[in-house]
């Protein structure tokens, strides 16, 4: 983009009486572009500092909370089944409702906050999504039902949908904030460190579940049905299980509440100030402030100088993504996330069902004897801890160590390929492996490997690439579109899982699980194809990756306003 014709006229930026536009010439364009490049170079070449740690912690706690709230429902759904499901198990419709509500809300939140982040700024939107998560999580923990008109499962579905909107907003905002503040050589590791908090969130949900179940062990084992029925077939009074799921879900408020202040006080990224607000002077000052002092200051009396630069609009958006390399890149990032989330959420939200299907730890859903209720809940919590420790958490940190050396594209290709092979093996041998104890252990080992290569693979890279590969004015929007495509995959996976898992057997038989794993293998293979459409972003500046000319990005001064 060159020349003033490529730039929209500034609207509402002040009168020419403050700064006569005729006084600005070609020299101003050269100076402004030079100042912009110098400020960007300072960000891209900055040494790792406490400010970068702060960004990782503030952004990362959101993903910790997101993962805790999303995946904690897997165990909580089993508890809800004991309390509110017929015969101690939620119906397929109930189970699907509480599990799919969050991805539906997340999809909407990703699109909405992705767009808002580019329109109003990262800082202005950051923290709002966390408030939504906190309120909705608290609402779930206090959910109740009416005599006839209000069903508690329905109430939980509504709250989980609202929570999902907040979780969805966290994806594009945290991604672009961490990428736009990071220096080039550590950007991959910094974004991975933010996203890796998902693993800690999943692990913590399982640990809290184990703590809660253990804390109520005595009450559960000595509980009896109303009326004091006795005998070996005793049905447990589920009052104590009702406490368990509320404590498990309600704990998700704590990390979000702790981080809220820091999110509301994080500075605006200099790239947004420079390229979207078109205030090069303020952006250059912000860079100096946060690199030297780790903070920022905006002078309310300062002259706001707007420059001529490419501006976001429907026409400009269409023109940018009409270029073949740009729309193919968006298709690549979006479909890769779609394919990955079909497996990641299809299995992640249903891990307790998979563990029960292979008889891991003797879990038996639907048995309401006190010993069975306690044993099943404890074994599901322990099983999830094992899967997190053996696969999920190490996968993130393997990516952290190698992402800036190997690159994003090789890791994503490797992950999709290995996952395709693992799902073919697990699906083909599923029925044989669950018949024997050694077979069950082999399946759990392969399941841990699959979790490892999801995170040391496409689950991490699909988050990173769209946060790097698009220009500042569309970076949040494009990331939101890519992430929403992933959640569409999660919704399809959850609906498909609920409706297909029992084909060929009775209700809750999980007879079709082996074939579902084979279907997942197909989507992993398609992910290999979509990965070929993305670009390698390793060790490249965000401006180089934007596919736009940078030497004449600023066309001159548009005007000034003295507040």
Protein backbone atom coordinates (compact mmCIF):
# COMPACT_ATOMS: atom_id res chain seq x y z
CA UNK A 1 0.00 0.00 0.00
CA UNK A 2 1.57 3.26 -1.07
CA UNK A 3 0.40 6.83 -1.48
CA UNK A 4 -2.32 8.71 0.26
CA UNK A 5 -5.03 7.06 -1.84
CA UNK A 6 -4.57 3.88 0.19
CA UNK A 7 -5.64 5.59 3.38
CA UNK A 8 -9.05 6.63 4.58
CA UNK A 9 -9.45 10.24 5.64
CA UNK A 10 -9.43 10.76 9.37
CA UNK A 11 -12.81 11.36 10.95
CA UNK A 12 -13.30 13.49 14.03
CA UNK A 13 -9.63 13.94 14.80
CA UNK A 14 -9.70 17.68 15.20
CA UNK A 15 -9.66 20.80 13.14
CA UNK A 16 -6.90 22.00 10.90
CA UNK A 17 -6.76 25.11 13.08
CA UNK A 18 -4.81 23.08 15.65
CA UNK A 19 -2.40 21.59 13.14
CA UNK A 20 -2.66 22.86 9.54
CA UNK A 21 -2.44 19.78 7.32
CA UNK A 22 -0.80 21.78 4.56
CA UNK A 23 2.30 22.15 6.72
CA UNK A 24 2.95 18.39 6.61
CA UNK A 25 4.78 17.06 3.57
CA UNK A 26 6.70 14.04 2.31
CA UNK A 27 9.36 14.50 4.98
CA UNK A 28 6.76 13.92 7.71
CA UNK A 29 5.84 10.57 6.18
CA UNK A 30 9.47 9.52 6.16
CA UNK A 31 9.99 10.63 9.76
CA UNK A 32 6.82 8.94 10.97
CA UNK A 33 7.62 5.67 9.23
CA UNK A 34 11.10 5.80 10.70
CA UNK A 35 9.72 6.42 14.18
CA UNK A 36 7.21 3.58 13.77
CA UNK A 37 9.93 1.15 12.65
CA UNK A 38 12.18 2.19 15.53
CA UNK A 39 9.42 1.61 18.10
CA UNK A 40 8.56 -1.77 16.60
CA UNK A 41 12.24 -2.74 16.55
CA UNK A 42 12.48 -1.96 20.26
CA UNK A 43 9.60 -4.36 20.96
CA UNK A 44 10.92 -7.05 18.62
CA UNK A 45 14.47 -6.95 19.97
CA UNK A 46 13.69 -6.41 23.67
CA UNK A 47 15.28 -8.67 26.25
CA UNK A 48 13.00 -10.88 28.30
CA UNK A 49 11.89 -8.86 31.33
CA UNK A 50 9.54 -8.83 34.30
CA UNK A 51 6.97 -7.08 32.10
CA UNK A 52 6.87 -10.13 29.81
CA UNK A 53 6.42 -12.37 32.85
CA UNK A 54 3.52 -10.20 33.99
CA UNK A 55 1.85 -10.43 30.57
CA UNK A 56 2.21 -14.22 30.60
CA UNK A 57 0.74 -14.48 34.10
CA UNK A 58 -2.16 -12.09 33.48
CA UNK A 59 -3.08 -13.71 30.17
CA UNK A 60 -2.32 -17.25 31.36
CA UNK A 61 -4.61 -17.18 34.38
CA UNK A 62 -7.51 -16.74 31.97
CA UNK A 63 -6.67 -19.97 30.19
CA UNK A 64 -6.19 -21.69 33.54
CA UNK A 65 -9.73 -20.64 34.47
CA UNK A 66 -11.09 -21.50 31.01
CA UNK A 67 -9.72 -25.04 31.07
CA UNK A 68 -10.81 -25.59 34.66
CA UNK A 69 -14.37 -24.54 33.86
CA UNK A 70 -14.58 -26.35 30.51
CA UNK A 71 -13.09 -29.71 31.46
CA UNK A 72 -14.16 -29.85 35.09
CA UNK A 73 -17.67 -30.51 33.81
CA UNK A 74 -16.58 -33.99 32.69
CA UNK A 75 -16.36 -35.13 36.32
CA UNK A 76 -19.12 -32.80 37.49
CA UNK A 77 -21.51 -34.36 34.95
CA UNK A 78 -21.04 -37.73 36.65
CA UNK A 79 -21.85 -36.11 40.00
CA UNK A 80 -24.90 -34.40 38.48
CA UNK A 81 -26.04 -37.77 37.17
CA UNK A 82 -26.07 -39.21 40.67
CA UNK A 83 -28.10 -36.23 41.90
CA UNK A 84 -30.51 -35.47 39.06
CA UNK A 85 -30.28 -38.17 36.40
CA UNK A 86 -32.69 -41.09 36.12
CA UNK A 87 -31.07 -44.23 37.57
CA UNK A 88 -28.02 -42.23 38.60
CA UNK A 89 -26.88 -41.23 35.10
CA UNK A 90 -27.74 -38.14 33.07
CA UNK A 91 -29.72 -38.86 29.93
CA UNK A 92 -27.91 -38.30 26.63
CA UNK A 93 -29.89 -35.08 26.15
CA UNK A 94 -28.98 -33.78 29.62
CA UNK A 95 -25.31 -34.74 29.26
CA UNK A 96 -25.14 -33.18 25.80
CA UNK A 97 -26.83 -29.99 26.99
CA UNK A 98 -24.43 -29.17 29.81
CA UNK A 99 -21.37 -30.15 27.74
CA UNK A 100 -22.25 -28.44 24.47
CA UNK A 101 -23.58 -25.20 25.99
CA UNK A 102 -20.09 -23.90 26.75
CA UNK A 103 -18.64 -24.48 23.24
CA UNK A 104 -21.70 -22.79 21.71
CA UNK A 105 -21.19 -19.75 23.94
CA UNK A 106 -17.44 -19.85 23.30
CA UNK A 107 -17.97 -19.74 19.53
CA UNK A 108 -20.11 -16.61 19.88
CA UNK A 109 -17.66 -15.02 22.32
CA UNK A 110 -14.68 -15.64 20.04
CA UNK A 111 -16.34 -13.97 17.07
CA UNK A 112 -17.76 -11.10 19.13
CA UNK A 113 -14.71 -10.26 21.25
CA UNK A 114 -12.37 -10.90 18.32
CA UNK A 115 -14.13 -8.14 16.40
CA UNK A 116 -14.48 -5.85 19.44
CA UNK A 117 -10.78 -6.24 20.20
CA UNK A 118 -9.92 -4.77 16.80
CA UNK A 119 -12.56 -2.03 16.98
CA UNK A 120 -12.22 -0.76 20.55
CA UNK A 121 -8.81 -2.07 21.51
CA UNK A 122 -7.35 -4.95 23.45
CA UNK A 123 -7.19 -3.08 26.78
CA UNK A 124 -10.76 -1.79 26.69
CA UNK A 125 -12.18 -5.29 26.20
CA UNK A 126 -9.72 -7.13 28.44
CA UNK A 127 -11.25 -8.01 31.79
CA UNK A 128 -14.85 -7.82 30.59
CA UNK A 129 -14.73 -11.43 29.45
CA UNK A 130 -13.25 -12.46 32.81
CA UNK A 131 -16.13 -10.74 34.64
CA UNK A 132 -18.59 -12.77 32.56
CA UNK A 133 -16.77 -16.00 33.46
CA UNK A 134 -16.73 -15.19 37.19
CA UNK A 135 -20.43 -14.28 37.32
CA UNK A 136 -21.52 -17.32 35.28
CA UNK A 137 -19.36 -19.71 37.31
CA UNK A 138 -20.79 -18.37 40.56
CA UNK A 139 -24.28 -18.70 39.09
CA UNK A 140 -23.70 -22.38 38.33
CA UNK A 141 -22.53 -23.12 41.86
CA UNK A 142 -25.76 -21.60 43.25
CA UNK A 143 -28.11 -23.08 40.64
CA UNK A 144 -31.38 -24.55 41.83
CA UNK A 145 -34.69 -25.71 40.43
CA UNK A 146 -38.35 -24.93 40.86
CA UNK A 147 -41.23 -27.27 41.54
CA UNK A 148 -42.11 -27.66 37.85
CA UNK A 149 -41.22 -24.64 35.75
CA UNK A 150 -37.43 -24.58 36.29
CA UNK A 151 -35.17 -27.59 35.89
CA UNK A 152 -31.66 -27.40 37.35
CA UNK A 153 -30.06 -28.94 34.27
CA UNK A 154 -31.70 -26.24 32.16
CA UNK A 155 -30.41 -23.56 34.53
CA UNK A 156 -26.89 -24.98 34.28
CA UNK A 157 -27.11 -25.02 30.47
CA UNK A 158 -27.96 -21.29 30.47
CA UNK A 159 -25.16 -20.39 32.88
CA UNK A 160 -22.64 -22.51 31.00
CA UNK A 161 -23.60 -20.82 27.74
CA UNK A 162 -23.02 -17.39 29.32
CA UNK A 163 -19.73 -18.60 30.76
CA UNK A 164 -18.75 -19.82 27.30
CA UNK A 165 -19.19 -16.32 25.86
CA UNK A 166 -16.65 -15.04 28.39
CA UNK A 167 -14.28 -17.93 27.72
CA UNK A 168 -14.55 -17.25 23.99
CA UNK A 169 -13.50 -13.64 24.51
CA UNK A 170 -10.36 -14.77 26.27
CA UNK A 171 -8.92 -16.52 23.21
CA UNK A 172 -8.37 -13.68 20.72
CA UNK A 173 -7.63 -11.03 23.34
CA UNK A 174 -5.01 -13.05 25.24
CA UNK A 175 -3.44 -14.29 22.01
CA UNK A 176 -2.94 -10.86 20.43
CA UNK A 177 -1.89 -9.17 23.68
CA UNK A 178 0.83 -11.75 24.31
CA UNK A 179 2.01 -11.71 20.68
CA UNK A 180 2.00 -7.92 20.29
CA UNK A 181 3.98 -7.33 23.50
CA UNK A 182 6.52 -10.09 22.83
CA UNK A 183 9.93 -9.83 21.21
CA UNK A 184 10.38 -11.84 18.03
CA UNK A 185 12.82 -14.45 19.29
CA UNK A 186 10.68 -15.51 22.29
CA UNK A 187 7.19 -14.95 20.88
CA UNK A 188 6.46 -18.63 20.37
CA UNK A 189 7.52 -19.55 23.88
CA UNK A 190 5.67 -16.62 25.40
CA UNK A 191 2.40 -17.50 23.66
CA UNK A 192 2.89 -21.18 24.51
CA UNK A 193 3.46 -20.30 28.17
CA UNK A 194 0.15 -18.43 28.17
CA UNK A 195 -1.74 -21.26 26.49
CA UNK A 196 -0.03 -23.98 28.56
CA UNK A 197 -2.08 -22.83 31.54
CA UNK A 198 -4.87 -24.88 29.99
CA UNK A 199 -3.00 -28.00 31.11
CA UNK A 200 -2.63 -26.72 34.66
CA UNK A 201 -6.33 -25.83 34.68
CA UNK A 202 -7.36 -29.33 33.62
CA UNK A 203 -5.03 -30.91 36.15
CA UNK A 204 -6.27 -28.63 38.94
CA UNK A 205 -9.89 -29.50 38.15
CA UNK A 206 -9.06 -33.18 38.62
CA UNK A 207 -7.12 -32.50 41.83
CA UNK A 208 -9.94 -30.40 43.29
CA UNK A 209 -12.39 -33.17 42.34
CA UNK A 210 -10.24 -35.71 44.19
CA UNK A 211 -9.97 -33.44 47.24
CA UNK A 212 -13.72 -32.84 47.33
CA UNK A 213 -14.57 -36.52 46.91
CA UNK A 214 -12.08 -37.51 49.61
CA UNK A 215 -13.40 -34.82 51.96
CA UNK A 216 -16.92 -36.25 51.73
CA UNK A 217 -15.86 -39.91 51.82
CA UNK A 218 -17.31 -40.62 55.27
CA UNK A 219 -20.62 -38.93 54.53
CA UNK A 220 -21.04 -40.75 51.22
CA UNK A 221 -20.12 -44.19 52.54
CA UNK A 222 -22.54 -43.84 55.45
CA UNK A 223 -25.38 -42.21 53.56
CA UNK A 224 -28.67 -44.04 53.10
CA UNK A 225 -31.78 -43.48 51.08
CA UNK A 226 -34.67 -41.57 52.66
CA UNK A 227 -36.55 -44.03 54.84
CA UNK A 228 -33.41 -45.79 56.04
CA UNK A 229 -33.40 -48.75 53.65
CA UNK A 230 -30.77 -51.34 54.48
CA UNK A 231 -29.06 -54.18 52.74
CA UNK A 232 -26.31 -54.77 50.16
CA UNK A 233 -28.28 -53.05 47.39
CA UNK A 234 -28.71 -49.82 49.36
CA UNK A 235 -29.21 -46.64 47.29
CA UNK A 236 -27.12 -43.72 48.47
CA UNK A 237 -28.60 -40.42 49.58
CA UNK A 238 -26.99 -38.03 47.08
CA UNK A 239 -27.12 -34.93 49.28
CA UNK A 240 -23.34 -34.99 49.76
CA UNK A 241 -22.66 -35.43 46.03
CA UNK A 242 -24.70 -32.26 45.49
CA UNK A 243 -22.18 -30.41 47.66
CA UNK A 244 -19.31 -31.92 45.68
CA UNK A 245 -20.19 -30.66 42.20
CA UNK A 246 -21.03 -27.19 43.50
CA UNK A 247 -17.66 -26.89 45.23
CA UNK A 248 -15.86 -28.30 42.19
CA UNK A 249 -17.44 -25.82 39.78
CA UNK A 250 -17.49 -22.88 42.19
CA UNK A 251 -13.72 -23.01 42.77
CA UNK A 252 -13.34 -21.79 39.18
CA UNK A 253 -14.23 -18.27 40.39
CA UNK A 254 -11.11 -17.98 42.54
CA UNK A 255 -8.27 -17.60 39.98
CA UNK A 256 -10.39 -15.32 37.81
CA UNK A 257 -11.23 -13.02 40.71
CA UNK A 258 -7.55 -12.82 41.68
CA UNK A 259 -6.49 -11.83 38.13
CA UNK A 260 -9.30 -9.38 37.36
CA UNK A 261 -7.54 -6.25 38.67
CA UNK A 262 -4.40 -6.95 36.65
CA UNK A 263 -6.41 -7.46 33.47
CA UNK A 264 -8.22 -4.18 33.90
CA UNK A 265 -4.92 -2.31 34.41
CA UNK A 266 -2.83 -3.87 31.62
CA UNK A 267 -1.65 -1.26 29.07
CA UNK A 268 -2.86 -1.07 25.51
CA UNK A 269 -0.48 -2.73 23.07
CA UNK A 270 1.72 -0.21 21.21
CA UNK A 271 0.87 -1.90 17.94
CA UNK A 272 -2.84 -1.18 18.37
CA UNK A 273 -2.12 2.40 19.43
CA UNK A 274 0.16 2.85 16.44
CA UNK A 275 -1.64 1.02 13.64
CA UNK A 276 -5.32 1.18 14.59
CA UNK A 277 -5.60 4.36 16.67
CA UNK A 278 -2.90 5.80 14.36
CA UNK A 279 -1.14 7.58 17.22
CA UNK A 280 2.53 6.91 16.52
CA UNK A 281 3.75 9.42 19.12
CA UNK A 282 1.83 7.82 22.01
CA UNK A 283 2.82 4.30 20.90
CA UNK A 284 6.51 5.23 20.82
CA UNK A 285 6.19 6.68 24.32
CA UNK A 286 4.40 3.55 25.56
CA UNK A 287 7.23 1.38 24.24
CA UNK A 288 9.78 3.43 26.15
CA UNK A 289 7.69 3.26 29.32
CA UNK A 290 6.91 -0.46 29.50
CA UNK A 291 10.37 -1.56 28.37
CA UNK A 292 12.15 0.62 30.92
CA UNK A 293 9.66 0.87 33.80
CA UNK A 294 7.24 -1.97 33.09
CA UNK A 295 4.33 0.46 33.19
CA UNK A 296 2.76 3.15 31.04
CA UNK A 297 1.30 6.64 31.29
CA UNK A 298 -1.10 8.49 29.02
CA UNK A 299 -1.01 12.28 29.36
CA UNK A 300 -4.63 13.48 29.15
CA UNK A 301 -3.45 16.92 27.96
CA UNK A 302 -1.15 15.68 25.22
CA UNK A 303 -1.78 16.54 21.58
CA UNK A 304 -3.17 13.45 19.86
CA UNK A 305 -1.59 13.27 16.42
CA UNK A 306 -3.35 10.94 13.98
CA UNK A 307 -1.49 9.62 10.98
CA UNK A 308 -2.64 8.34 7.64
CA UNK A 309 -2.47 4.55 7.68
CA UNK A 310 -4.54 1.58 6.43
CA UNK A 311 -7.83 1.54 8.34
CA UNK A 312 -10.12 -1.35 9.10
CA UNK A 313 -13.37 -1.28 7.14
CA UNK A 314 -15.61 -3.71 5.31
CA UNK A 315 -14.03 -2.70 2.02
CA UNK A 316 -10.48 -2.97 3.34
CA UNK A 317 -11.26 -6.32 5.03
CA UNK A 318 -12.67 -7.67 1.77
CA UNK A 319 -9.73 -6.35 -0.23
CA UNK A 320 -7.16 -7.84 2.16
CA UNK A 321 -8.72 -11.29 2.34
CA UNK A 322 -9.57 -11.31 -1.36
CA UNK A 323 -5.88 -11.83 -2.00
CA UNK A 324 -5.31 -15.55 -2.53
CA UNK A 325 -2.46 -15.99 -0.05
CA UNK A 326 -4.42 -14.23 2.70
CA UNK A 327 -7.70 -16.12 2.44
CA UNK A 328 -5.88 -19.44 2.04
CA UNK A 329 -3.98 -18.66 5.23
CA UNK A 330 -7.24 -17.94 7.07
CA UNK A 331 -8.75 -21.17 5.72
CA UNK A 332 -5.64 -23.03 6.90
CA UNK A 333 -5.71 -21.62 10.44
CA UNK A 334 -9.49 -22.03 10.75
CA UNK A 335 -9.80 -25.57 9.42
CA UNK A 336 -6.74 -26.81 11.32
CA UNK A 337 -8.36 -25.63 14.55
CA UNK A 338 -11.69 -27.17 13.48
CA UNK A 339 -10.12 -30.59 12.85
CA UNK A 340 -8.12 -30.52 16.07
CA UNK A 341 -11.02 -29.55 18.33
CA UNK A 342 -13.17 -32.39 17.02
CA UNK A 343 -10.71 -34.72 18.76
CA UNK A 344 -9.62 -32.47 21.62
CA UNK A 345 -13.11 -31.73 22.90
CA UNK A 346 -14.73 -34.92 21.67
CA UNK A 347 -12.42 -36.84 23.99
CA UNK A 348 -11.63 -34.17 26.60
CA UNK A 349 -15.24 -33.59 27.63
CA UNK A 350 -15.96 -37.33 27.65
CA UNK A 351 -12.87 -38.75 29.33
CA UNK A 352 -14.94 -40.15 32.26
CA UNK A 353 -17.14 -42.00 29.75
CA UNK A 354 -14.11 -43.41 27.95
CA UNK A 355 -12.50 -44.50 31.24
CA UNK A 356 -15.73 -46.18 32.31
CA UNK A 357 -16.07 -47.89 28.94
CA UNK A 358 -12.67 -49.55 29.31
CA UNK A 359 -13.42 -50.35 32.99
CA UNK A 360 -10.47 -48.27 34.16
CA UNK A 361 -10.20 -48.48 37.97
CA UNK A 362 -13.49 -50.34 38.21
CA UNK A 363 -15.60 -47.25 37.44
CA UNK A 364 -19.27 -48.23 37.12
CA UNK A 365 -21.70 -45.46 36.26
CA UNK A 366 -25.28 -46.02 37.36
CA UNK A 367 -24.51 -48.13 40.45
CA UNK A 368 -25.94 -46.11 43.34
CA UNK A 369 -24.53 -48.06 46.27
CA UNK A 370 -22.43 -45.81 48.54
CA UNK A 371 -19.26 -47.77 47.84
CA UNK A 372 -19.79 -47.58 44.07
CA UNK A 373 -20.55 -43.85 44.12
CA UNK A 374 -17.43 -43.03 46.11
CA UNK A 375 -15.23 -45.48 44.21
CA UNK A 376 -16.38 -44.30 40.79
CA UNK A 377 -15.91 -40.60 41.54
CA UNK A 378 -12.52 -41.18 43.10
CA UNK A 379 -11.32 -43.35 40.22
CA UNK A 380 -12.51 -40.84 37.63
CA UNK A 381 -10.64 -38.04 39.42
CA UNK A 382 -7.48 -40.16 39.70
CA UNK A 383 -7.79 -41.24 36.05
CA UNK A 384 -8.02 -37.64 34.90
CA UNK A 385 -5.00 -36.71 37.02
CA UNK A 386 -2.99 -39.53 35.42
CA UNK A 387 -3.97 -38.45 31.91
CA UNK A 388 -3.10 -34.82 32.67
CA UNK A 389 0.27 -35.59 34.26
CA UNK A 390 1.27 -38.23 31.71
CA UNK A 391 0.09 -36.47 28.56
CA UNK A 392 -1.59 -33.08 28.66
CA UNK A 393 0.82 -31.00 30.76
CA UNK A 394 4.10 -32.42 29.34
CA UNK A 395 2.81 -31.85 25.80
CA UNK A 396 2.45 -28.11 26.33
CA UNK A 397 5.92 -27.76 27.77
CA UNK A 398 7.55 -29.87 25.06
CA UNK A 399 6.11 -27.33 22.64
CA UNK A 400 7.43 -24.52 24.83
CA UNK A 401 10.97 -25.88 24.58
CA UNK A 402 10.96 -26.41 20.80
CA UNK A 403 8.48 -23.97 19.24
CA UNK A 404 11.04 -21.26 18.47
CA UNK A 405 13.58 -23.79 17.19
CA UNK A 406 11.52 -26.22 15.15
CA UNK A 407 8.83 -23.78 14.13
CA UNK A 408 5.04 -23.90 14.27
CA UNK A 409 4.35 -25.71 11.02
CA UNK A 410 6.61 -28.76 11.59
CA UNK A 411 5.19 -29.28 15.10
CA UNK A 412 1.62 -29.07 13.79
CA UNK A 413 2.31 -31.49 10.92
CA UNK A 414 3.98 -33.94 13.28
CA UNK A 415 1.13 -33.74 15.79
CA UNK A 416 -1.65 -34.34 13.26
CA UNK A 417 0.25 -37.26 11.70
CA UNK A 418 1.00 -39.01 14.99
CA UNK A 419 -2.58 -38.48 16.21
CA UNK A 420 -3.97 -40.05 13.04
CA UNK A 421 -1.85 -43.17 13.61
CA UNK A 422 -2.74 -43.37 17.32
CA UNK A 423 -6.48 -43.05 16.71
CA UNK A 424 -6.39 -45.73 14.01
CA UNK A 425 -4.62 -48.13 16.40
CA UNK A 426 -6.85 -47.28 19.38
CA UNK A 427 -10.03 -47.47 17.34
CA UNK A 428 -9.20 -50.73 15.58
CA UNK A 429 -8.15 -52.54 18.79
CA UNK A 430 -10.64 -50.86 21.15
CA UNK A 431 -12.87 -53.86 21.80
CA UNK A 432 -9.93 -56.22 22.26
CA UNK A 433 -8.04 -53.91 24.60
CA UNK A 434 -10.92 -53.34 27.00
CA UNK A 435 -11.43 -57.08 27.51
CA UNK A 436 -8.27 -57.59 29.56
CA UNK A 437 -6.35 -55.69 32.21
CA UNK A 438 -3.12 -55.50 30.12
CA UNK A 439 -5.22 -54.28 27.21
CA UNK A 440 -6.77 -51.58 29.41
CA UNK A 441 -3.32 -50.41 30.48
CA UNK A 442 -2.18 -50.34 26.86
CA UNK A 443 -5.20 -48.24 25.92
CA UNK A 444 -4.53 -45.77 28.75
CA UNK A 445 -0.90 -45.49 27.58
CA UNK A 446 -2.00 -44.75 24.00
CA UNK A 447 -4.62 -42.30 25.30
CA UNK A 448 -1.88 -40.46 27.23
CA UNK A 449 0.24 -40.37 24.07
CA UNK A 450 -2.69 -38.90 22.16
CA UNK A 451 -3.09 -36.19 24.81
CA UNK A 452 0.64 -35.50 24.64
CA UNK A 453 0.72 -35.07 20.86
CA UNK A 454 -2.41 -32.93 20.85
CA UNK A 455 -0.56 -30.40 22.97
CA UNK A 456 2.89 -31.07 21.51
CA UNK A 457 1.20 -30.42 18.22
CA UNK A 458 -1.87 -28.72 16.82
CA UNK A 459 -3.67 -27.77 20.03
CA UNK A 460 -0.91 -25.27 20.80
CA UNK A 461 0.09 -24.20 17.29
CA UNK A 462 -3.47 -23.53 16.14
CA UNK A 463 -3.66 -20.98 18.96
CA UNK A 464 -0.31 -19.37 18.14
CA UNK A 465 -0.30 -18.96 14.35
CA UNK A 466 -3.48 -16.86 13.91
CA UNK A 467 -2.22 -14.58 16.68
CA UNK A 468 0.86 -13.80 14.59
CA UNK A 469 0.06 -14.10 10.90
CA UNK A 470 -2.40 -11.25 10.25
CA UNK A 471 -2.07 -7.44 10.34
CA UNK A 472 -2.76 -5.59 13.58
CA UNK A 473 -6.09 -4.15 12.47
CA UNK A 474 -7.46 -7.67 11.77
CA UNK A 475 -5.34 -9.82 14.09
CA UNK A 476 -7.95 -10.21 16.82
CA UNK A 477 -10.78 -10.72 14.33
CA UNK A 478 -8.88 -13.36 12.36
CA UNK A 479 -7.89 -15.17 15.54
CA UNK A 480 -11.52 -15.08 16.66
CA UNK A 481 -12.67 -16.56 13.33
CA UNK A 482 -10.06 -19.33 13.54
CA UNK A 483 -10.87 -20.11 17.18
CA UNK A 484 -14.63 -20.09 16.47
CA UNK A 485 -14.04 -22.65 13.73
CA UNK A 486 -12.44 -24.82 16.37
CA UNK A 487 -15.43 -24.50 18.64
CA UNK A 488 -17.70 -25.42 15.74
CA UNK A 489 -15.67 -28.63 15.58
CA UNK A 490 -16.10 -29.08 19.34
CA UNK A 491 -19.87 -28.70 19.03
CA UNK A 492 -20.06 -31.18 16.16
CA UNK A 493 -17.85 -33.59 18.09
CA UNK A 494 -19.98 -33.38 21.22
CA UNK A 495 -23.27 -33.80 19.36
CA UNK A 496 -21.82 -36.66 17.33
CA UNK A 497 -20.32 -38.32 20.40
CA UNK A 498 -23.62 -38.22 22.28
CA UNK A 499 -25.63 -39.61 19.37
CA UNK A 500 -23.18 -42.17 18.01
CA UNK A 501 -21.44 -43.69 21.05
CA UNK A 502 -24.20 -46.24 21.78
CA UNK A 503 -24.90 -47.39 18.20
CA UNK A 504 -25.15 -51.18 18.13
CA UNK A 505 -25.79 -51.50 21.86
CA UNK A 506 -28.15 -50.37 24.59
CA UNK A 507 -28.29 -46.94 26.29
CA UNK A 508 -24.94 -45.97 27.87
CA UNK A 509 -23.32 -49.06 26.32
CA UNK A 510 -20.57 -47.00 24.58
CA UNK A 511 -20.58 -49.73 21.93
CA UNK A 512 -19.49 -47.43 19.08
CA UNK A 513 -16.51 -45.75 20.81
CA UNK A 514 -13.92 -47.67 18.80
CA UNK A 515 -15.40 -46.47 15.52
CA UNK A 516 -15.57 -42.91 16.84
CA UNK A 517 -11.82 -43.06 17.38
CA UNK A 518 -11.39 -44.14 13.77
CA UNK A 519 -13.50 -41.17 12.64
CA UNK A 520 -11.20 -38.90 14.63
CA UNK A 521 -8.25 -40.36 12.71
CA UNK A 522 -9.84 -39.16 9.45
CA UNK A 523 -10.11 -35.59 10.74
CA UNK A 524 -6.48 -35.68 11.86
CA UNK A 525 -5.48 -36.58 8.29
CA UNK A 526 -7.47 -33.63 6.94
CA UNK A 527 -5.63 -31.47 9.47
CA UNK A 528 -2.36 -32.48 7.80
CA UNK A 529 -3.70 -31.05 4.54
CA UNK A 530 -4.87 -27.76 6.06
CA UNK A 531 -1.51 -27.31 7.81
CA UNK A 532 0.13 -27.04 4.40
CA UNK A 533 -1.85 -23.81 3.85
CA UNK A 534 -0.39 -21.95 6.84
CA UNK A 535 2.89 -20.04 6.82
CA UNK A 536 5.85 -20.55 9.10
CA UNK A 537 5.98 -17.65 11.57
CA UNK A 538 9.12 -18.59 13.50
CA UNK A 539 11.58 -15.70 14.12
CA UNK A 540 9.67 -13.27 11.88
CA UNK A 541 8.27 -9.95 13.00
CA UNK A 542 4.51 -9.48 13.05
CA UNK A 543 4.87 -6.80 10.40
CA UNK A 544 6.80 -9.12 8.06
CA UNK A 545 4.05 -11.71 8.53
CA UNK A 546 1.23 -9.24 7.77
CA UNK A 547 1.85 -9.49 4.00
CA UNK A 548 1.79 -5.70 3.65
CA UNK A 549 4.47 -3.16 2.70
CA UNK A 550 6.00 -1.53 5.76
CA UNK A 551 8.34 1.08 4.26
CA UNK A 552 5.43 3.40 3.41
CA UNK A 553 2.84 2.14 5.90
CA UNK A 554 2.31 5.67 7.27
CA UNK A 555 1.33 8.18 4.59
CA UNK A 556 1.76 11.31 6.66
CA UNK A 557 -0.09 13.26 9.34
CA UNK A 558 -3.87 13.27 9.10
CA UNK A 559 -4.55 15.87 11.82
CA UNK A 560 -4.35 16.62 15.53
CA UNK A 561 -6.66 17.30 18.39
CA UNK A 562 -5.72 19.10 21.60
CA UNK A 563 -7.98 17.65 24.35
